[in-house]
Structure formats: structure tokens, C-alpha cells
């Protein structure tokens, strides 16, 4: 899988609400009403990431969860990162609406 250029990453990010570029990673913060709700989200992301065989870095800070994506083998952001981000938005975040 080929590493995306900065311009390619910025163009793809336009389709993902709330995601941002930081160095060689894309990130998004999610807020929840409770720690329990945040952990349910984390577990759903973990199950889904395991299925895709592409794992995000996950930071839990009480009611806030930060997902960080990059493809370490490529030293940056690839299609796999955007696939996972898009799936999280489509499948998991739709449940919150």
C-alpha cells in the first residue's frame, strides 16, 4: 500500500468531518456522555479494526476518545487509514445519531 502525499491526505480529509492531519497521522476526538459510553465505542472500534486488520491508536480520557490512524509499515497515511476512518464514521457514528 502506497503512502499518500500531504495533498492527497488533505483532499481525502475533506470528506471526513472532524478528522485532522497531525504530522504523519490522522486523528479525531469523540465526546461521550459517560465513561461507560466511551468504552462501548472503544470496544466497537476494536472489534471492527480487528476485522479489518488495521488498528488505530486509541486514547481514552474519561468521556473523550481520540482515534489516531497511520500505517507504520509505510511511515504515513495510506488507503487503509481512510478505509478505517470512513467505516468508523459510517457504521459506528451512525448509531449515535
C-alpha atoms as a PDB file:
ATOM      1  CA  UNK A   1       0.000   0.000   0.000  1.00  0.00           C
ATOM      2  CA  UNK A   2       1.387   3.382  -1.020  1.00  0.00           C
ATOM      3  CA  UNK A   3       1.806   6.265   1.401  1.00  0.00           C
ATOM      4  CA  UNK A   4      -0.349   9.274   0.488  1.00  0.00           C
ATOM      5  CA  UNK A   5       1.168  12.688  -0.181  1.00  0.00           C
ATOM      6  CA  UNK A   6       0.192  15.575   2.094  1.00  0.00           C
ATOM      7  CA  UNK A   7      -2.070  16.959  -0.657  1.00  0.00           C
ATOM      8  CA  UNK A   8      -3.802  13.600  -1.125  1.00  0.00           C
ATOM      9  CA  UNK A   9      -4.396  13.368   2.636  1.00  0.00           C
ATOM     10  CA  UNK A  10      -5.815  16.895   2.814  1.00  0.00           C
ATOM     11  CA  UNK A  11      -8.156  16.187  -0.102  1.00  0.00           C
ATOM     12  CA  UNK A  12      -9.421  12.961   1.485  1.00  0.00           C
ATOM     13  CA  UNK A  13      -9.919  14.665   4.852  1.00  0.00           C
ATOM     14  CA  UNK A  14     -12.468  16.998   3.244  1.00  0.00           C
ATOM     15  CA  UNK A  15     -14.850  14.013   3.178  1.00  0.00           C
ATOM     16  CA  UNK A  16     -14.412  13.186   6.878  1.00  0.00           C
ATOM     17  CA  UNK A  17     -15.990  15.531   9.390  1.00  0.00           C
ATOM     18  CA  UNK A  18     -13.802  16.319  12.381  1.00  0.00           C
ATOM     19  CA  UNK A  19     -10.720  14.402  11.252  1.00  0.00           C
ATOM     20  CA  UNK A  20      -7.438  16.323  11.133  1.00  0.00           C
ATOM     21  CA  UNK A  21      -3.875  15.822   9.963  1.00  0.00           C
ATOM     22  CA  UNK A  22      -1.129  15.862  12.582  1.00  0.00           C
ATOM     23  CA  UNK A  23       2.298  15.029  11.218  1.00  0.00           C
ATOM     24  CA  UNK A  24       2.059  11.604   9.588  1.00  0.00           C
ATOM     25  CA  UNK A  25      -1.248  10.681  11.261  1.00  0.00           C
ATOM     26  CA  UNK A  26      -4.929  11.488  11.018  1.00  0.00           C
ATOM     27  CA  UNK A  27      -6.887  11.981  14.234  1.00  0.00           C
ATOM     28  CA  UNK A  28     -10.351  12.590  15.547  1.00  0.00           C
ATOM     29  CA  UNK A  29     -11.707  13.275  19.038  1.00  0.00           C
ATOM     30  CA  UNK A  30     -15.084  11.886  20.064  1.00  0.00           C
ATOM     31  CA  UNK A  31     -17.052  13.089  23.083  1.00  0.00           C
ATOM     32  CA  UNK A  32     -19.491  10.936  25.047  1.00  0.00           C
ATOM     33  CA  UNK A  33     -21.952  11.477  27.899  1.00  0.00           C
ATOM     34  CA  UNK A  34     -20.242   8.967  30.159  1.00  0.00           C
ATOM     35  CA  UNK A  35     -17.100   6.890  30.562  1.00  0.00           C
ATOM     36  CA  UNK A  36     -19.174   3.757  30.015  1.00  0.00           C
ATOM     37  CA  UNK A  37     -20.471   5.075  26.685  1.00  0.00           C
ATOM     38  CA  UNK A  38     -16.921   5.959  25.635  1.00  0.00           C
ATOM     39  CA  UNK A  39     -15.726   2.449  26.442  1.00  0.00           C
ATOM     40  CA  UNK A  40     -18.573   0.876  24.468  1.00  0.00           C
ATOM     41  CA  UNK A  41     -17.442   2.929  21.469  1.00  0.00           C
ATOM     42  CA  UNK A  42     -13.813   1.840  22.001  1.00  0.00           C
ATOM     43  CA  UNK A  43     -14.837  -1.816  22.107  1.00  0.00           C
ATOM     44  CA  UNK A  44     -16.834  -1.433  18.892  1.00  0.00           C
ATOM     45  CA  UNK A  45     -13.883   0.236  17.175  1.00  0.00           C
ATOM     46  CA  UNK A  46     -11.563  -2.513  18.440  1.00  0.00           C
ATOM     47  CA  UNK A  47     -13.806  -5.262  17.089  1.00  0.00           C
ATOM     48  CA  UNK A  48     -14.171  -3.549  13.755  1.00  0.00           C
ATOM     49  CA  UNK A  49     -10.440  -2.762  13.481  1.00  0.00           C
ATOM     50  CA  UNK A  50      -9.599  -6.375  14.254  1.00  0.00           C
ATOM     51  CA  UNK A  51     -11.867  -7.484  11.436  1.00  0.00           C
ATOM     52  CA  UNK A  52     -10.125  -5.060   9.024  1.00  0.00           C
ATOM     53  CA  UNK A  53      -6.691  -5.984  10.406  1.00  0.00           C
ATOM     54  CA  UNK A  54      -5.814  -2.320  10.724  1.00  0.00           C
ATOM     55  CA  UNK A  55      -5.579  -0.980  14.256  1.00  0.00           C
ATOM     56  CA  UNK A  56      -5.796   2.616  15.436  1.00  0.00           C
ATOM     57  CA  UNK A  57      -4.081   4.102  18.433  1.00  0.00           C
ATOM     58  CA  UNK A  58      -6.871   4.742  20.942  1.00  0.00           C
ATOM     59  CA  UNK A  59      -6.620   7.226  23.801  1.00  0.00           C
ATOM     60  CA  UNK A  60      -9.381   7.268  26.401  1.00  0.00           C
ATOM     61  CA  UNK A  61      -9.623  10.264  28.706  1.00  0.00           C
ATOM     62  CA  UNK A  62     -12.801   9.878  30.761  1.00  0.00           C
ATOM     63  CA  UNK A  63     -15.580  10.862  28.325  1.00  0.00           C
ATOM     64  CA  UNK A  64     -13.287  11.632  25.387  1.00  0.00           C
ATOM     65  CA  UNK A  65     -11.825   9.136  22.927  1.00  0.00           C
ATOM     66  CA  UNK A  66      -9.144  10.034  20.392  1.00  0.00           C
ATOM     67  CA  UNK A  67      -8.523   7.759  17.416  1.00  0.00           C
ATOM     68  CA  UNK A  68      -5.174   8.105  15.643  1.00  0.00           C
ATOM     69  CA  UNK A  69      -4.506   6.373  12.340  1.00  0.00           C
ATOM     70  CA  UNK A  70      -1.368   5.816  10.315  1.00  0.00           C
ATOM     71  CA  UNK A  71       0.237   2.871   8.559  1.00  0.00           C
ATOM     72  CA  UNK A  72       3.501   2.281  10.383  1.00  0.00           C
ATOM     73  CA  UNK A  73       4.922  -0.023   7.701  1.00  0.00           C
ATOM     74  CA  UNK A  74       4.616   2.810   5.164  1.00  0.00           C
ATOM     75  CA  UNK A  75       5.647   5.606   7.518  1.00  0.00           C
ATOM     76  CA  UNK A  76       2.490   7.622   6.961  1.00  0.00           C
ATOM     77  CA  UNK A  77      -1.114   7.626   5.865  1.00  0.00           C
ATOM     78  CA  UNK A  78      -2.474   5.108   3.356  1.00  0.00           C
ATOM     79  CA  UNK A  79      -5.796   3.941   1.957  1.00  0.00           C
ATOM     80  CA  UNK A  80      -6.108   1.556   4.928  1.00  0.00           C
ATOM     81  CA  UNK A  81      -6.262   4.519   7.309  1.00  0.00           C
ATOM     82  CA  UNK A  82      -9.010   6.225   5.350  1.00  0.00           C
ATOM     83  CA  UNK A  83     -10.921   2.954   4.967  1.00  0.00           C
ATOM     84  CA  UNK A  84     -10.990   2.510   8.733  1.00  0.00           C
ATOM     85  CA  UNK A  85     -11.872   6.162   9.397  1.00  0.00           C
ATOM     86  CA  UNK A  86     -14.710   6.030   6.877  1.00  0.00           C
ATOM     87  CA  UNK A  87     -16.052   2.790   8.321  1.00  0.00           C
ATOM     88  CA  UNK A  88     -15.997   4.193  11.868  1.00  0.00           C
ATOM     89  CA  UNK A  89     -17.911   7.240  10.696  1.00  0.00           C
ATOM     90  CA  UNK A  90     -20.424   5.268   8.654  1.00  0.00           C
ATOM     91  CA  UNK A  91     -21.079   2.289  10.891  1.00  0.00           C
ATOM     92  CA  UNK A  92     -20.338   3.348  14.435  1.00  0.00           C
ATOM     93  CA  UNK A  93     -21.163   7.016  14.490  1.00  0.00           C
ATOM     94  CA  UNK A  94     -24.485   6.447  12.721  1.00  0.00           C
ATOM     95  CA  UNK A  95     -25.547   4.574  15.856  1.00  0.00           C
ATOM     96  CA  UNK A  96     -25.108   7.758  17.912  1.00  0.00           C
ATOM     97  CA  UNK A  97     -27.437   9.849  15.776  1.00  0.00           C
END
